[in-house]
Structures are given as structure tokens and as C-alpha cells.
N, C-alpha and C. Protein backbone atom coordinates (compact mmCIF):
# COMPACT_ATOMS: atom_id res chain seq x y z
N MET A 1 11.59 0.37 14.10
CA MET A 1 11.27 1.10 14.06
C MET A 1 11.09 1.64 12.67
N ASN A 2 12.14 1.23 11.52
CA ASN A 2 12.44 1.87 10.04
C ASN A 2 10.57 1.18 9.40
N ASP A 3 10.21 0.32 10.17
CA ASP A 3 8.62 -0.36 9.55
C ASP A 3 7.41 0.25 9.98
N LEU A 4 7.61 1.10 10.99
CA LEU A 4 6.79 2.48 11.15
C LEU A 4 6.66 3.29 10.76
N THR A 5 7.81 4.00 10.58
CA THR A 5 8.02 5.29 9.28
C THR A 5 7.34 5.11 7.82
N ALA A 6 8.10 3.92 7.76
CA ALA A 6 7.62 3.69 6.57
C ALA A 6 6.18 3.28 6.27
N LEU A 7 5.08 2.41 7.42
CA LEU A 7 4.16 2.75 7.39
C LEU A 7 3.13 4.10 7.32
N LEU A 8 3.95 4.80 8.24
CA LEU A 8 3.41 6.25 8.29
C LEU A 8 3.52 6.57 7.24
N ALA A 9 4.34 6.79 5.96
CA ALA A 9 4.99 7.43 4.89
C ALA A 9 4.01 6.64 3.77
N ALA A 10 3.05 5.49 4.23
CA ALA A 10 2.56 4.99 2.91
C ALA A 10 1.30 5.31 3.28
N ALA A 11 1.15 6.10 4.21
CA ALA A 11 -0.19 6.00 4.35
C ALA A 11 -0.93 7.62 3.92
N PRO A 12 -2.19 7.06 3.19
CA PRO A 12 -2.44 8.42 2.58
C PRO A 12 -2.80 9.75 3.44
N ALA A 13 -2.73 10.81 3.29
CA ALA A 13 -3.23 11.34 2.92
C ALA A 13 -4.15 11.90 4.43
N GLY A 14 -5.42 11.66 3.68
CA GLY A 14 -6.53 12.10 4.21
C GLY A 14 -6.93 10.87 5.62
N ASP A 15 -5.92 9.79 5.85
CA ASP A 15 -5.91 8.88 6.92
C ASP A 15 -4.68 9.00 7.60
N GLY A 16 -5.33 10.49 8.67
CA GLY A 16 -4.36 10.57 9.54
C GLY A 16 -5.10 10.38 10.64
N ILE A 17 -6.48 10.41 10.61
CA ILE A 17 -6.83 10.12 12.33
C ILE A 17 -6.73 8.37 12.38
N GLY A 18 -7.09 7.62 11.18
CA GLY A 18 -6.09 6.06 11.42
C GLY A 18 -5.42 5.67 11.89
N VAL A 19 -4.43 6.53 10.95
CA VAL A 19 -3.24 6.17 11.41
C VAL A 19 -2.78 6.84 12.74
N LEU A 20 -3.12 8.09 13.19
CA LEU A 20 -3.29 8.55 14.80
C LEU A 20 -3.58 6.96 16.13
N ARG A 21 -4.91 7.02 15.54
CA ARG A 21 -5.72 5.67 16.69
C ARG A 21 -4.60 4.76 16.73
N TRP A 22 -3.93 4.27 15.42
CA TRP A 22 -3.21 2.69 15.62
C TRP A 22 -1.81 3.24 16.25
N VAL A 23 -1.22 4.66 16.17
CA VAL A 23 -0.22 4.74 16.73
C VAL A 23 -0.59 4.69 18.06
N LEU A 24 -1.31 5.37 18.30
CA LEU A 24 -2.21 5.46 20.29
C LEU A 24 -2.26 4.26 20.77
N ILE A 25 -3.06 3.23 19.74
CA ILE A 25 -3.35 1.96 20.52
C ILE A 25 -1.82 0.78 20.64
N VAL A 26 -0.86 1.01 19.44
CA VAL A 26 0.29 0.17 20.20
C VAL A 26 0.91 1.16 21.31
N SER A 27 0.57 2.59 21.21
CA SER A 27 1.50 3.03 22.55
C SER A 27 0.95 2.30 23.79
N VAL A 28 -0.27 2.23 24.03
CA VAL A 28 -0.95 1.92 25.40
C VAL A 28 -0.99 0.63 25.29
N VAL A 29 -0.78 -0.31 24.22
CA VAL A 29 -0.40 -1.38 24.49
C VAL A 29 1.32 -1.42 25.27
N GLY A 30 2.02 -1.06 24.47
CA GLY A 30 3.19 -1.54 24.85
C GLY A 30 3.75 -0.79 26.24
N ILE A 31 2.79 0.35 26.41
CA ILE A 31 2.96 0.82 28.22
C ILE A 31 2.44 -0.28 29.00
N VAL A 32 1.20 -0.70 28.55
CA VAL A 32 1.11 -1.75 29.37
C VAL A 32 1.69 -3.05 29.35
N LEU A 33 2.26 -3.46 28.65
CA LEU A 33 3.38 -4.53 28.86
C LEU A 33 4.18 -4.42 29.30
N LEU A 34 5.13 -2.71 29.10
CA LEU A 34 5.89 -2.35 30.45
C LEU A 34 5.76 -2.30 31.82
N ALA A 35 4.79 -1.87 32.00
CA ALA A 35 4.45 -1.75 33.48
C ALA A 35 4.54 -3.18 34.11
N TRP A 36 3.95 -4.37 33.14
CA TRP A 36 3.14 -5.55 33.98
C TRP A 36 4.99 -6.09 33.95
N PHE A 37 5.70 -5.78 32.87
CA PHE A 37 6.99 -6.58 32.89
C PHE A 37 7.58 -6.12 34.10
N LEU A 38 7.81 -4.46 34.20
CA LEU A 38 8.82 -3.82 35.88
C LEU A 38 8.07 -4.74 36.89
N LEU A 39 6.30 -4.50 36.85
CA LEU A 39 6.02 -4.85 37.96
C LEU A 39 5.39 -5.70 38.45
N ARG A 40 5.61 -7.20 37.76
CA ARG A 40 5.43 -8.80 38.03
C ARG A 40 6.99 -9.05 39.27
N GLY A 41 7.87 -8.88 38.93
CA GLY A 41 9.24 -8.82 39.86
C GLY A 41 8.61 -8.60 40.90
N TYR A 42 7.81 -7.86 41.28
CA TYR A 42 8.04 -7.29 42.82
C TYR A 42 6.69 -7.89 43.53
N GLY A 43 5.71 -9.19 43.11
CA GLY A 43 4.86 -10.18 43.92
C GLY A 43 5.94 -11.34 44.27
N ASP A 44 7.05 -11.14 43.38
CA ASP A 44 8.10 -12.10 44.40
C ASP A 44 8.29 -12.36 45.45
N LYS A 45 8.72 -10.86 45.82
CA LYS A 45 9.19 -10.31 47.29
C LYS A 45 8.32 -10.73 47.70
């Protein structure tokens, strides 16, 4: 988590939209991977 805060702190002030876009992309990918990890066990039953 420290890497993320360092990345956000190092981003230029005018690049807020780009940072927000990357945060959204990473969040969506994380949610998809979490959902796949949680739901893959149901196929075995």
C-alpha cells in the first residue's frame, strides 16, 4: 500500500484524471480476480 501512496504523491497535480483512471482500472481488476477466486470453488461441488 505504501507504493500506491508514493505513486499518488509523485503524480503531477494536473494528472489527477490519469491517476484516477489507473486507480479505477486496478480496482476493477482486483475485484474481478477476487470474485473469480471466491467463485471458482463452487464449480467443484
